[in-house]
């Protein structure tokens, strides 16, 4: 049995009654750029393309005499094993490949590659001498790539940044660069492909109505692979209790935002594509909490697990 876990932070905000082209940058500007890359479980039998989202982060410093904004573009090379229109990840032991590509938006319409197919951005320093910005990019592994050995397929990609640019242009030399890894596995498995966000409650002490909140996440499991989802801690009938700042709350897993705690007792089945689920939360009415001031916040980190 294998498990994959993602940890997230749920936050509780207590209400008052609780008492619960611009000016060019100077040469002094210096930036770094990096990305965690992406990992994806791939199933060539899936009916749809394998879609993924990741991000890169730029971090820059400047002198006080430099402009407070920096226009820039980011672009990539084609990895180590590109062939024609596609990037490729390699299974070294068999000299086999999986085709994939990057895109600038979730519409998957424009490749993110050479400097004429870039992402345009503006970094605002404000009054600070340093700033950072994180931007999403998207990747697609084409469906139907079968007849290749099972295993891990890898690539290394260089991501580049060019200063003082407001549009994509051919042949631009980078001012900063970094590398990130691409890892695609076609061994039957599961992953939490899109992690959950925060469960953010707003609660007033002794309120006569319950507070509710939810967040979504996406799992991807190989075709027909059975799996289950769970949250750490005790559970009864699919309900996961918890306490934060003296407030008793409960969580459940479901396929909609409607409270329906059924998933922990149900065996789910993968289809090689992203499957969307929800974590629903509620705090019962009439609780005092333990907030010492007029307004306070509390957190209770929880862990989501997919078991297959």
C-alpha atoms as a PDB file:
ATOM      1  CA  UNK A   1       0.000   0.000   0.000  1.00  0.00           C
ATOM      2  CA  UNK A   2       1.316   3.427  -0.910  1.00  0.00           C
ATOM      3  CA  UNK A   3       0.252   6.838   0.290  1.00  0.00           C
ATOM      4  CA  UNK A   4       0.737  10.366  -0.914  1.00  0.00           C
ATOM      5  CA  UNK A   5       0.214  13.240   1.492  1.00  0.00           C
ATOM      6  CA  UNK A   6      -0.239  16.983   1.186  1.00  0.00           C
ATOM      7  CA  UNK A   7      -0.237  19.169   4.313  1.00  0.00           C
ATOM      8  CA  UNK A   8      -2.290  22.322   4.390  1.00  0.00           C
ATOM      9  CA  UNK A   9      -3.144  25.000   6.904  1.00  0.00           C
ATOM     10  CA  UNK A  10      -6.707  25.705   7.952  1.00  0.00           C
ATOM     11  CA  UNK A  11      -7.256  29.154   9.480  1.00  0.00           C
ATOM     12  CA  UNK A  12      -9.951  30.474  11.797  1.00  0.00           C
ATOM     13  CA  UNK A  13     -10.680  34.201  12.029  1.00  0.00           C
ATOM     14  CA  UNK A  14     -12.672  35.157  15.156  1.00  0.00           C
ATOM     15  CA  UNK A  15     -15.203  37.953  14.976  1.00  0.00           C
ATOM     16  CA  UNK A  16     -15.274  41.102  17.090  1.00  0.00           C
ATOM     17  CA  UNK A  17     -17.706  39.759  19.648  1.00  0.00           C
ATOM     18  CA  UNK A  18     -15.320  36.989  20.627  1.00  0.00           C
ATOM     19  CA  UNK A  19     -13.939  39.800  21.250  1.00  0.00           C
ATOM     20  CA  UNK A  20     -13.927  35.451  19.102  1.00  0.00           C
ATOM     21  CA  UNK A  21       7.523  50.108 -21.036  1.00  0.00           C
ATOM     22  CA  UNK A  22       8.443  52.071 -18.148  1.00  0.00           C
ATOM     23  CA  UNK A  23      11.728  53.629 -17.127  1.00  0.00           C
ATOM     24  CA  UNK A  24      14.602  51.200 -17.742  1.00  0.00           C
ATOM     25  CA  UNK A  25      16.197  49.460 -14.786  1.00  0.00           C
ATOM     26  CA  UNK A  26      19.797  50.209 -13.968  1.00  0.00           C
ATOM     27  CA  UNK A  27      22.548  47.624 -14.059  1.00  0.00           C
ATOM     28  CA  UNK A  28      22.340  47.414 -10.260  1.00  0.00           C
ATOM     29  CA  UNK A  29      19.130  45.377 -10.501  1.00  0.00           C
ATOM     30  CA  UNK A  30      19.882  41.697 -10.013  1.00  0.00           C
ATOM     31  CA  UNK A  31      17.394  38.826 -10.207  1.00  0.00           C
ATOM     32  CA  UNK A  32      17.259  35.083  -9.748  1.00  0.00           C
ATOM     33  CA  UNK A  33      14.598  32.770 -11.143  1.00  0.00           C
ATOM     34  CA  UNK A  34      13.666  29.251 -10.146  1.00  0.00           C
ATOM     35  CA  UNK A  35      10.892  26.688 -10.254  1.00  0.00           C
ATOM     36  CA  UNK A  36      10.097  23.421  -8.465  1.00  0.00           C
ATOM     37  CA  UNK A  37       9.355  21.946 -11.898  1.00  0.00           C
ATOM     38  CA  UNK A  38       6.607  19.374 -11.972  1.00  0.00           C
ATOM     39  CA  UNK A  39       5.916  15.720 -11.295  1.00  0.00           C
ATOM     40  CA  UNK A  40       3.019  13.887 -12.900  1.00  0.00           C
ATOM     41  CA  UNK A  41       1.560  10.394 -12.856  1.00  0.00           C
ATOM     42  CA  UNK A  42       0.841   9.512 -16.480  1.00  0.00           C
ATOM     43  CA  UNK A  43      -1.478   6.882 -17.904  1.00  0.00           C
ATOM     44  CA  UNK A  44      -1.342   6.388 -21.657  1.00  0.00           C
ATOM     45  CA  UNK A  45      -4.767   4.703 -21.540  1.00  0.00           C
ATOM     46  CA  UNK A  46      -6.454   7.874 -20.292  1.00  0.00           C
ATOM     47  CA  UNK A  47      -8.882   9.399 -22.775  1.00  0.00           C
ATOM     48  CA  UNK A  48      -7.654  12.962 -22.196  1.00  0.00           C
ATOM     49  CA  UNK A  49      -4.319  14.747 -22.124  1.00  0.00           C
ATOM     50  CA  UNK A  50      -2.443  14.881 -18.833  1.00  0.00           C
ATOM     51  CA  UNK A  51      -2.632  18.490 -17.586  1.00  0.00           C
ATOM     52  CA  UNK A  52      -0.448  20.037 -14.890  1.00  0.00           C
ATOM     53  CA  UNK A  53       0.183  23.384 -13.234  1.00  0.00           C
ATOM     54  CA  UNK A  54       3.383  24.605 -11.635  1.00  0.00           C
ATOM     55  CA  UNK A  55       5.050  27.964 -11.002  1.00  0.00           C
ATOM     56  CA  UNK A  56       8.297  29.879 -11.097  1.00  0.00           C
ATOM     57  CA  UNK A  57       9.470  32.605  -8.732  1.00  0.00           C
ATOM     58  CA  UNK A  58      11.645  35.600  -9.509  1.00  0.00           C
ATOM     59  CA  UNK A  59      13.487  37.400  -6.714  1.00  0.00           C
ATOM     60  CA  UNK A  60      15.173  40.731  -7.414  1.00  0.00           C
ATOM     61  CA  UNK A  61      17.185  43.392  -5.597  1.00  0.00           C
ATOM     62  CA  UNK A  62      17.858  47.007  -6.584  1.00  0.00           C
ATOM     63  CA  UNK A  63      19.520  50.207  -5.420  1.00  0.00           C
ATOM     64  CA  UNK A  64      17.480  53.093  -4.092  1.00  0.00           C
ATOM     65  CA  UNK A  65      18.335  54.995  -7.271  1.00  0.00           C
ATOM     66  CA  UNK A  66      16.816  52.297  -9.501  1.00  0.00           C
ATOM     67  CA  UNK A  67      13.177  52.365 -10.711  1.00  0.00           C
ATOM     68  CA  UNK A  68      10.489  50.910  -8.445  1.00  0.00           C
ATOM     69  CA  UNK A  69       9.153  48.658 -11.220  1.00  0.00           C
ATOM     70  CA  UNK A  70      10.817  46.178 -13.550  1.00  0.00           C
ATOM     71  CA  UNK A  71       9.219  44.966 -16.775  1.00  0.00           C
ATOM     72  CA  UNK A  72      10.441  41.542 -17.842  1.00  0.00           C
ATOM     73  CA  UNK A  73       9.751  38.433 -19.874  1.00  0.00           C
ATOM     74  CA  UNK A  74      10.382  34.789 -19.001  1.00  0.00           C
ATOM     75  CA  UNK A  75      10.948  31.923 -21.409  1.00  0.00           C
ATOM     76  CA  UNK A  76      12.440  28.435 -21.478  1.00  0.00           C
ATOM     77  CA  UNK A  77      14.648  26.314 -23.641  1.00  0.00           C
ATOM     78  CA  UNK A  78      13.313  23.033 -25.018  1.00  0.00           C
ATOM     79  CA  UNK A  79      14.882  20.743 -22.456  1.00  0.00           C
ATOM     80  CA  UNK A  80      17.523  18.111 -23.150  1.00  0.00           C
ATOM     81  CA  UNK A  81      15.645  15.814 -25.504  1.00  0.00           C
ATOM     82  CA  UNK A  82      13.299  17.909 -27.638  1.00  0.00           C
ATOM     83  CA  UNK A  83      12.328  16.559 -31.020  1.00  0.00           C
ATOM     84  CA  UNK A  84      10.481  18.696 -33.543  1.00  0.00           C
ATOM     85  CA  UNK A  85       7.508  20.474 -31.968  1.00  0.00           C
ATOM     86  CA  UNK A  86       7.636  18.662 -28.619  1.00  0.00           C
ATOM     87  CA  UNK A  87       9.750  18.566 -25.514  1.00  0.00           C
ATOM     88  CA  UNK A  88      10.492  15.034 -24.363  1.00  0.00           C
ATOM     89  CA  UNK A  89      11.269  13.340 -21.066  1.00  0.00           C
ATOM     90  CA  UNK A  90      13.571  10.329 -21.222  1.00  0.00           C
ATOM     91  CA  UNK A  91      13.491   6.868 -19.664  1.00  0.00           C
ATOM     92  CA  UNK A  92      17.233   6.363 -19.559  1.00  0.00           C
ATOM     93  CA  UNK A  93      17.312   2.584 -19.141  1.00  0.00           C
ATOM     94  CA  UNK A  94      15.332   1.923 -22.328  1.00  0.00           C
ATOM     95  CA  UNK A  95      16.139   5.074 -24.308  1.00  0.00           C
ATOM     96  CA  UNK A  96      12.382   5.730 -24.578  1.00  0.00           C
ATOM     97  CA  UNK A  97      10.586   9.083 -24.406  1.00  0.00           C
ATOM     98  CA  UNK A  98       7.326  10.776 -23.386  1.00  0.00           C
ATOM     99  CA  UNK A  99       6.302  13.940 -25.207  1.00  0.00           C
ATOM    100  CA  UNK A 100       5.189  16.991 -23.228  1.00  0.00           C
ATOM    101  CA  UNK A 101       5.066  20.778 -23.620  1.00  0.00           C
ATOM    102  CA  UNK A 102       4.704  23.993 -21.611  1.00  0.00           C
ATOM    103  CA  UNK A 103       1.999  26.635 -22.002  1.00  0.00           C
ATOM    104  CA  UNK A 104       1.563  30.190 -20.779  1.00  0.00           C
ATOM    105  CA  UNK A 105      -2.032  29.830 -19.510  1.00  0.00           C
ATOM    106  CA  UNK A 106      -4.561  27.168 -18.547  1.00  0.00           C
ATOM    107  CA  UNK A 107      -6.148  27.550 -21.987  1.00  0.00           C
ATOM    108  CA  UNK A 108      -3.179  25.559 -23.358  1.00  0.00           C
ATOM    109  CA  UNK A 109      -3.207  27.701 -26.498  1.00  0.00           C
ATOM    110  CA  UNK A 110       0.272  29.318 -26.506  1.00  0.00           C
ATOM    111  CA  UNK A 111       3.492  27.435 -25.914  1.00  0.00           C
ATOM    112  CA  UNK A 112       5.892  28.745 -23.294  1.00  0.00           C
ATOM    113  CA  UNK A 113       9.264  28.189 -24.895  1.00  0.00           C
ATOM    114  CA  UNK A 114      11.574  30.478 -26.857  1.00  0.00           C
ATOM    115  CA  UNK A 115      11.747  34.209 -26.224  1.00  0.00           C
ATOM    116  CA  UNK A 116       9.116  34.872 -28.881  1.00  0.00           C
ATOM    117  CA  UNK A 117       6.687  32.674 -26.871  1.00  0.00           C
ATOM    118  CA  UNK A 118       7.150  34.147 -23.439  1.00  0.00           C
ATOM    119  CA  UNK A 119       5.314  35.215 -20.296  1.00  0.00           C
ATOM    120  CA  UNK A 120       5.310  38.984 -19.750  1.00  0.00           C
ATOM    121  CA  UNK A 121       5.424  40.391 -16.221  1.00  0.00           C
ATOM    122  CA  UNK A 122       6.020  43.462 -14.091  1.00  0.00           C
ATOM    123  CA  UNK A 123       7.689  43.358 -10.692  1.00  0.00           C
ATOM    124  CA  UNK A 124       6.766  46.128  -8.245  1.00  0.00           C
ATOM    125  CA  UNK A 125       9.316  46.942  -5.552  1.00  0.00           C
ATOM    126  CA  UNK A 126       7.263  49.677  -3.927  1.00  0.00           C
ATOM    127  CA  UNK A 127       9.590  51.350  -1.458  1.00  0.00           C
ATOM    128  CA  UNK A 128      11.568  48.166  -0.822  1.00  0.00           C
ATOM    129  CA  UNK A 129      14.956  47.305  -2.291  1.00  0.00           C
ATOM    130  CA  UNK A 130      13.925  43.691  -2.840  1.00  0.00           C
ATOM    131  CA  UNK A 131      10.842  41.967  -4.217  1.00  0.00           C
ATOM    132  CA  UNK A 132       9.673  38.603  -5.474  1.00  0.00           C
ATOM    133  CA  UNK A 133       6.837  37.373  -7.652  1.00  0.00           C
ATOM    134  CA  UNK A 134       5.453  33.896  -8.340  1.00  0.00           C
ATOM    135  CA  UNK A 135       3.757  33.104 -11.657  1.00  0.00           C
ATOM    136  CA  UNK A 136       1.976  29.957 -12.819  1.00  0.00           C
ATOM    137  CA  UNK A 137       2.789  28.009 -15.957  1.00  0.00           C
ATOM    138  CA  UNK A 138       1.106  24.928 -17.374  1.00  0.00           C
ATOM    139  CA  UNK A 139       2.235  21.661 -18.917  1.00  0.00           C
ATOM    140  CA  UNK A 140       0.543  19.001 -21.015  1.00  0.00           C
ATOM    141  CA  UNK A 141       1.584  15.404 -21.618  1.00  0.00           C
ATOM    142  CA  UNK A 142      -0.172  14.147 -24.732  1.00  0.00           C
ATOM    143  CA  UNK A 143      -2.659  11.292 -24.317  1.00  0.00           C
ATOM    144  CA  UNK A 144      -2.194   7.924 -25.982  1.00  0.00           C
ATOM    145  CA  UNK A 145       1.553   7.466 -25.536  1.00  0.00           C
ATOM    146  CA  UNK A 146       1.542   3.706 -25.079  1.00  0.00           C
ATOM    147  CA  UNK A 147       3.886   0.831 -25.892  1.00  0.00           C
ATOM    148  CA  UNK A 148       6.782   2.225 -23.842  1.00  0.00           C
ATOM    149  CA  UNK A 149       8.354   0.747 -20.685  1.00  0.00           C
ATOM    150  CA  UNK A 150       7.025   1.624 -17.268  1.00  0.00           C
ATOM    151  CA  UNK A 151       9.283   3.823 -15.217  1.00  0.00           C
ATOM    152  CA  UNK A 152      10.352   7.392 -14.553  1.00  0.00           C
ATOM    153  CA  UNK A 153      10.860   9.768 -17.470  1.00  0.00           C
ATOM    154  CA  UNK A 154      12.952  12.867 -16.754  1.00  0.00           C
ATOM    155  CA  UNK A 155      14.067  16.104 -18.347  1.00  0.00           C
ATOM    156  CA  UNK A 156      15.919  19.245 -17.263  1.00  0.00           C
ATOM    157  CA  UNK A 157      14.701  22.619 -18.475  1.00  0.00           C
ATOM    158  CA  UNK A 158      16.316  26.050 -18.311  1.00  0.00           C
ATOM    159  CA  UNK A 159      14.041  28.971 -17.485  1.00  0.00           C
ATOM    160  CA  UNK A 160      15.241  32.444 -18.469  1.00  0.00           C
ATOM    161  CA  UNK A 161      14.402  36.034 -17.570  1.00  0.00           C
ATOM    162  CA  UNK A 162      15.134  39.163 -19.624  1.00  0.00           C
ATOM    163  CA  UNK A 163      14.853  42.627 -18.072  1.00  0.00           C
ATOM    164  CA  UNK A 164      13.218  45.719 -19.571  1.00  0.00           C
ATOM    165  CA  UNK A 165      10.927  43.862 -21.961  1.00  0.00           C
ATOM    166  CA  UNK A 166       7.210  44.399 -22.413  1.00  0.00           C
ATOM    167  CA  UNK A 167       6.551  41.897 -25.195  1.00  0.00           C
ATOM    168  CA  UNK A 168       7.834  38.606 -26.565  1.00  0.00           C
ATOM    169  CA  UNK A 169      10.605  38.919 -29.167  1.00  0.00           C
ATOM    170  CA  UNK A 170      12.858  36.481 -30.974  1.00  0.00           C
ATOM    171  CA  UNK A 171      16.489  36.019 -30.050  1.00  0.00           C
ATOM    172  CA  UNK A 172      16.440  37.756 -26.669  1.00  0.00           C
ATOM    173  CA  UNK A 173      19.473  37.121 -24.456  1.00  0.00           C
ATOM    174  CA  UNK A 174      18.598  36.268 -20.835  1.00  0.00           C
ATOM    175  CA  UNK A 175      19.705  38.404 -17.891  1.00  0.00           C
ATOM    176  CA  UNK A 176      19.016  35.634 -15.360  1.00  0.00           C
ATOM    177  CA  UNK A 177      18.546  31.864 -15.629  1.00  0.00           C
ATOM    178  CA  UNK A 178      17.766  28.809 -13.566  1.00  0.00           C
ATOM    179  CA  UNK A 179      16.978  25.145 -14.153  1.00  0.00           C
ATOM    180  CA  UNK A 180      14.155  22.887 -13.019  1.00  0.00           C
ATOM    181  CA  UNK A 181      13.302  19.202 -13.283  1.00  0.00           C
ATOM    182  CA  UNK A 182      10.474  17.509 -15.156  1.00  0.00           C
ATOM    183  CA  UNK A 183       9.494  14.063 -13.862  1.00  0.00           C
ATOM    184  CA  UNK A 184       6.757  11.918 -15.411  1.00  0.00           C
ATOM    185  CA  UNK A 185       5.974   8.400 -14.203  1.00  0.00           C
ATOM    186  CA  UNK A 186       3.851   5.890 -16.116  1.00  0.00           C
ATOM    187  CA  UNK A 187       3.944   3.350 -13.273  1.00  0.00           C
ATOM    188  CA  UNK A 188       0.372   2.896 -11.921  1.00  0.00           C
ATOM    189  CA  UNK A 189       0.075   5.306  -8.995  1.00  0.00           C
ATOM    190  CA  UNK A 190      -1.834   8.227  -7.493  1.00  0.00           C
ATOM    191  CA  UNK A 191      -0.929  11.806  -6.751  1.00  0.00           C
ATOM    192  CA  UNK A 192      -2.556  14.859  -5.225  1.00  0.00           C
ATOM    193  CA  UNK A 193      -2.032  16.902  -8.355  1.00  0.00           C
ATOM    194  CA  UNK A 194      -3.619  20.146  -7.149  1.00  0.00           C
ATOM    195  CA  UNK A 195      -3.321  20.587  -3.368  1.00  0.00           C
ATOM    196  CA  UNK A 196      -6.142  22.011  -1.257  1.00  0.00           C
ATOM    197  CA  UNK A 197      -6.201  25.622  -0.170  1.00  0.00           C
ATOM    198  CA  UNK A 198      -7.074  26.878   3.307  1.00  0.00           C
ATOM    199  CA  UNK A 199     -10.322  26.144   5.087  1.00  0.00           C
ATOM    200  CA  UNK A 200     -10.926  29.719   6.274  1.00  0.00           C
ATOM    201  CA  UNK A 201     -13.732  30.238   8.780  1.00  0.00           C
ATOM    202  CA  UNK A 202     -15.015  33.530  10.179  1.00  0.00           C
ATOM    203  CA  UNK A 203     -16.772  32.933  13.475  1.00  0.00           C
ATOM    204  CA  UNK A 204     -18.436  35.170  16.072  1.00  0.00           C
ATOM    205  CA  UNK A 205     -18.692  33.927  19.641  1.00  0.00           C
ATOM    206  CA  UNK A 206     -22.141  32.524  20.561  1.00  0.00           C
ATOM    207  CA  UNK A 207     -23.396  33.020  17.012  1.00  0.00           C
ATOM    208  CA  UNK A 208     -26.821  31.396  16.503  1.00  0.00           C
ATOM    209  CA  UNK A 209     -25.847  29.931  13.117  1.00  0.00           C
ATOM    210  CA  UNK A 210     -23.063  27.567  12.147  1.00  0.00           C
ATOM    211  CA  UNK A 211     -20.092  28.742  10.097  1.00  0.00           C
ATOM    212  CA  UNK A 212     -19.099  26.867   6.944  1.00  0.00           C
ATOM    213  CA  UNK A 213     -16.127  26.912   4.583  1.00  0.00           C
ATOM    214  CA  UNK A 214     -14.605  24.651   1.940  1.00  0.00           C
ATOM    215  CA  UNK A 215     -11.713  24.176  -0.441  1.00  0.00           C
ATOM    216  CA  UNK A 216     -11.111  21.931  -3.437  1.00  0.00           C
ATOM    217  CA  UNK A 217      -8.256  19.711  -4.593  1.00  0.00           C
ATOM    218  CA  UNK A 218      -7.565  17.351  -7.474  1.00  0.00           C
ATOM    219  CA  UNK A 219      -6.284  13.795  -7.408  1.00  0.00           C
ATOM    220  CA  UNK A 220      -4.939  11.864 -10.379  1.00  0.00           C
ATOM    221  CA  UNK A 221      -4.758   8.060 -10.341  1.00  0.00           C
ATOM    222  CA  UNK A 222      -4.019   5.550 -13.072  1.00  0.00           C
ATOM    223  CA  UNK A 223      -6.951   3.997 -14.944  1.00  0.00           C
ATOM    224  CA  UNK A 224      -8.981   1.511 -12.830  1.00  0.00           C
ATOM    225  CA  UNK A 225      -6.566   1.890  -9.895  1.00  0.00           C
ATOM    226  CA  UNK A 226      -8.623   1.840  -6.656  1.00  0.00           C
ATOM    227  CA  UNK A 227      -7.816   4.452  -4.024  1.00  0.00           C
ATOM    228  CA  UNK A 228      -9.194   6.168  -0.931  1.00  0.00           C
ATOM    229  CA  UNK A 229      -8.872   9.671   0.488  1.00  0.00           C
ATOM    230  CA  UNK A 230      -8.587  10.611   4.154  1.00  0.00           C
ATOM    231  CA  UNK A 231      -7.611  13.390   6.559  1.00  0.00           C
ATOM    232  CA  UNK A 232      -5.332  12.769   9.500  1.00  0.00           C
ATOM    233  CA  UNK A 233      -6.829  12.359  12.954  1.00  0.00           C
ATOM    234  CA  UNK A 234      -9.791  10.439  14.249  1.00  0.00           C
ATOM    235  CA  UNK A 235     -12.936  10.141  12.187  1.00  0.00           C
ATOM    236  CA  UNK A 236     -16.399   8.775  12.682  1.00  0.00           C
ATOM    237  CA  UNK A 237     -18.740   8.204   9.772  1.00  0.00           C
ATOM    238  CA  UNK A 238     -16.465  10.214   7.532  1.00  0.00           C
ATOM    239  CA  UNK A 239     -16.386  13.255   9.844  1.00  0.00           C
ATOM    240  CA  UNK A 240     -12.986  14.530  11.017  1.00  0.00           C
ATOM    241  CA  UNK A 241     -13.218  16.674  14.180  1.00  0.00           C
ATOM    242  CA  UNK A 242     -10.743  19.272  15.359  1.00  0.00           C
ATOM    243  CA  UNK A 243     -10.331  22.178  17.786  1.00  0.00           C
ATOM    244  CA  UNK A 244      -8.808  25.612  17.226  1.00  0.00           C
ATOM    245  CA  UNK A 245      -8.908  28.445  19.761  1.00  0.00           C
ATOM    246  CA  UNK A 246     -11.456  26.508  21.767  1.00  0.00           C
ATOM    247  CA  UNK A 247     -13.817  26.121  18.814  1.00  0.00           C
ATOM    248  CA  UNK A 248     -14.883  22.613  17.822  1.00  0.00           C
ATOM    249  CA  UNK A 249     -14.964  22.206  14.062  1.00  0.00           C
ATOM    250  CA  UNK A 250     -15.527  19.283  11.700  1.00  0.00           C
ATOM    251  CA  UNK A 251     -14.290  18.417   8.222  1.00  0.00           C
ATOM    252  CA  UNK A 252     -15.574  16.020   5.589  1.00  0.00           C
ATOM    253  CA  UNK A 253     -14.525  14.920   2.105  1.00  0.00           C
ATOM    254  CA  UNK A 254     -16.988  14.984  -0.761  1.00  0.00           C
ATOM    255  CA  UNK A 255     -17.504  15.345  -4.479  1.00  0.00           C
ATOM    256  CA  UNK A 256     -19.442  18.621  -4.057  1.00  0.00           C
ATOM    257  CA  UNK A 257     -19.538  21.519  -1.606  1.00  0.00           C
ATOM    258  CA  UNK A 258     -22.588  19.917   0.007  1.00  0.00           C
ATOM    259  CA  UNK A 259     -21.786  18.321   3.362  1.00  0.00           C
ATOM    260  CA  UNK A 260     -21.704  14.606   2.525  1.00  0.00           C
ATOM    261  CA  UNK A 261     -19.055  12.681   4.490  1.00  0.00           C
ATOM    262  CA  UNK A 262     -18.861   9.564   2.340  1.00  0.00           C
ATOM    263  CA  UNK A 263     -15.414   9.338   0.757  1.00  0.00           C
ATOM    264  CA  UNK A 264     -13.420   7.632   3.543  1.00  0.00           C
ATOM    265  CA  UNK A 265     -15.734   4.622   3.353  1.00  0.00           C
ATOM    266  CA  UNK A 266     -15.824   4.531  -0.439  1.00  0.00           C
ATOM    267  CA  UNK A 267     -13.235   2.989  -2.756  1.00  0.00           C
ATOM    268  CA  UNK A 268     -12.637   5.388  -5.624  1.00  0.00           C
ATOM    269  CA  UNK A 269     -11.320   4.461  -9.065  1.00  0.00           C
ATOM    270  CA  UNK A 270      -8.766   6.343 -11.147  1.00  0.00           C
ATOM    271  CA  UNK A 271      -9.236   7.254 -14.801  1.00  0.00           C
ATOM    272  CA  UNK A 272      -5.818   8.772 -15.534  1.00  0.00           C
ATOM    273  CA  UNK A 273      -7.297  12.288 -15.486  1.00  0.00           C
ATOM    274  CA  UNK A 274      -7.745  14.932 -12.803  1.00  0.00           C
ATOM    275  CA  UNK A 275     -10.622  14.184 -10.436  1.00  0.00           C
ATOM    276  CA  UNK A 276     -11.929  17.050  -8.305  1.00  0.00           C
ATOM    277  CA  UNK A 277     -12.949  16.722  -4.655  1.00  0.00           C
ATOM    278  CA  UNK A 278     -13.861  19.083  -1.835  1.00  0.00           C
ATOM    279  CA  UNK A 279     -12.953  19.416   1.811  1.00  0.00           C
ATOM    280  CA  UNK A 280     -15.984  20.854   3.579  1.00  0.00           C
ATOM    281  CA  UNK A 281     -15.843  22.362   7.049  1.00  0.00           C
ATOM    282  CA  UNK A 282     -18.305  23.615   9.612  1.00  0.00           C
ATOM    283  CA  UNK A 283     -18.308  25.073  13.140  1.00  0.00           C
ATOM    284  CA  UNK A 284     -21.449  24.533  15.204  1.00  0.00           C
ATOM    285  CA  UNK A 285     -23.328  27.565  16.538  1.00  0.00           C
ATOM    286  CA  UNK A 286     -23.240  28.823  20.129  1.00  0.00           C
ATOM    287  CA  UNK A 287     -19.557  28.288  20.968  1.00  0.00           C
ATOM    288  CA  UNK A 288     -17.594  30.788  23.075  1.00  0.00           C
ATOM    289  CA  UNK A 289     -14.055  29.936  21.987  1.00  0.00           C
ATOM    290  CA  UNK A 290     -10.976  31.005  23.921  1.00  0.00           C
ATOM    291  CA  UNK A 291      -9.960  34.181  22.122  1.00  0.00           C
ATOM    292  CA  UNK A 292      -8.290  36.486  24.654  1.00  0.00           C
ATOM    293  CA  UNK A 293      -8.758  39.690  22.663  1.00  0.00           C
ATOM    294  CA  UNK A 294     -11.356  41.416  20.563  1.00  0.00           C
ATOM    295  CA  UNK A 295     -10.272  39.625  17.406  1.00  0.00           C
ATOM    296  CA  UNK A 296      -7.863  36.728  17.039  1.00  0.00           C
ATOM    297  CA  UNK A 297      -6.850  33.995  14.611  1.00  0.00           C
ATOM    298  CA  UNK A 298      -5.922  30.369  15.131  1.00  0.00           C
ATOM    299  CA  UNK A 299      -4.709  27.556  12.913  1.00  0.00           C
ATOM    300  CA  UNK A 300      -4.803  23.773  12.977  1.00  0.00           C
ATOM    301  CA  UNK A 301      -2.704  22.126  10.227  1.00  0.00           C
ATOM    302  CA  UNK A 302      -4.190  18.946   8.758  1.00  0.00           C
ATOM    303  CA  UNK A 303      -2.847  16.358   6.300  1.00  0.00           C
ATOM    304  CA  UNK A 304      -4.696  14.977   3.268  1.00  0.00           C
ATOM    305  CA  UNK A 305      -3.727  11.437   2.224  1.00  0.00           C
ATOM    306  CA  UNK A 306      -4.455   9.407  -0.906  1.00  0.00           C
ATOM    307  CA  UNK A 307      -3.931   5.677  -0.393  1.00  0.00           C
ATOM    308  CA  UNK A 308      -3.717   3.222  -3.289  1.00  0.00           C
END
